Protein backbone atom coordinates (compact mmCIF):
# COMPACT_ATOMS: atom_id res chain seq x y z
CA UNK A 1 6.13 -7.06 11.97
CA UNK A 2 7.68 -7.36 8.55
CA UNK A 3 5.60 -6.14 5.62
CA UNK A 4 7.07 -8.98 3.55
CA UNK A 5 4.99 -11.41 5.60
CA UNK A 6 1.78 -9.79 4.36
CA UNK A 7 2.44 -8.18 0.97
CA UNK A 8 3.22 -9.95 -2.29
CA UNK A 9 3.88 -8.92 -5.86
CA UNK A 10 2.79 -11.40 -8.49
CA UNK A 11 2.47 -10.47 -12.18
CA UNK A 12 -0.50 -12.85 -12.44
CA UNK A 13 -2.45 -11.02 -9.71
CA UNK A 14 -3.77 -7.49 -10.25
CA UNK A 15 -1.20 -6.87 -13.01
CA UNK A 16 1.65 -7.16 -10.52
CA UNK A 17 0.49 -4.46 -8.14
CA UNK A 18 1.49 -5.09 -4.52
CA UNK A 19 -1.38 -6.97 -2.81
CA UNK A 20 -2.13 -8.45 0.56
CA UNK A 21 -1.07 -12.08 0.29
CA UNK A 22 -3.85 -14.45 -0.64
CA UNK A 23 -6.15 -11.62 -1.76
CA UNK A 24 -6.66 -9.27 -4.66
CA UNK A 25 -6.70 -6.30 -2.30
CA UNK A 26 -3.96 -3.90 -3.37
CA UNK A 27 -1.77 -1.81 -1.13
CA UNK A 28 -2.96 1.11 -3.25
CA UNK A 29 -6.61 0.48 -2.31
CA UNK A 30 -5.81 0.33 1.39
CA UNK A 31 -3.79 3.55 1.24
CA UNK A 32 -6.56 5.29 -0.73
CA UNK A 33 -9.12 4.32 1.91
CA UNK A 34 -6.86 5.55 4.71
CA UNK A 35 -6.26 8.76 2.77
CA UNK A 36 -10.02 9.22 2.45
CA UNK A 37 -10.25 9.11 6.24
CA UNK A 38 -11.40 5.53 6.71
CA UNK A 39 -10.46 3.93 10.02
CA UNK A 40 -8.94 0.48 10.30
CA UNK A 41 -12.29 -0.73 11.61
CA UNK A 42 -14.11 0.61 8.54
CA UNK A 43 -11.61 -1.06 6.20
CA UNK A 44 -11.94 -4.39 8.03
CA UNK A 45 -15.73 -4.06 7.95
CA UNK A 46 -15.69 -3.44 4.19
CA UNK A 47 -13.08 -6.17 3.58
CA UNK A 48 -13.73 -8.72 6.37
CA UNK A 49 -10.88 -11.03 5.37
CA UNK A 50 -8.34 -8.28 6.18
CA UNK A 51 -6.68 -7.98 9.56
CA UNK A 52 -5.42 -4.73 11.12
CA UNK A 53 -1.81 -5.96 10.90
CA UNK A 54 -2.24 -6.27 7.12
CA UNK A 55 -3.26 -2.61 6.99
CA UNK A 56 -0.07 -1.73 8.91
CA UNK A 57 1.91 -3.91 6.51
CA UNK A 58 0.49 -1.99 3.53
CA UNK A 59 1.63 1.26 5.12
CA UNK A 60 5.05 -0.18 5.90
CA UNK A 61 5.39 -1.41 2.31
CA UNK A 62 4.56 2.06 0.98
CA UNK A 63 7.09 3.68 3.31
CA UNK A 64 9.78 1.24 2.21
CA UNK A 65 8.95 1.78 -1.46
CA UNK A 66 9.16 5.56 -1.06
CA UNK A 67 12.44 5.35 0.80
CA UNK A 68 14.00 3.84 -2.32
CA UNK A 69 12.80 6.59 -4.66
CA UNK A 70 15.26 9.11 -6.00
CA UNK A 71 14.16 12.66 -6.59
CA UNK A 72 15.68 14.99 -9.13
CA UNK A 73 14.83 18.64 -8.68
CA UNK A 74 15.10 20.85 -11.69
CA UNK A 75 15.86 24.52 -11.25
CA UNK A 76 13.07 26.82 -12.33
CA UNK A 77 13.96 29.13 -15.16
CA UNK A 78 13.26 32.81 -14.67
CA UNK A 79 11.40 34.89 -17.15
């Protein structure tokens, strides 16, 4: 499964946040629900037009987005 088949970014939809294609459901919302302990079944029940593979695609998108981040660690100053 490729996340690109399920996730789109369109400046005219939800201010350009990544969404499940054909919906206004953001990747962020799905990840928040999962982080709050919701199961896939609970998410699909709350958003019946979602499919479990779209939830997986949201997670895959987030993983891909994070893999492209660069981190700069600053040394802590003593004293």
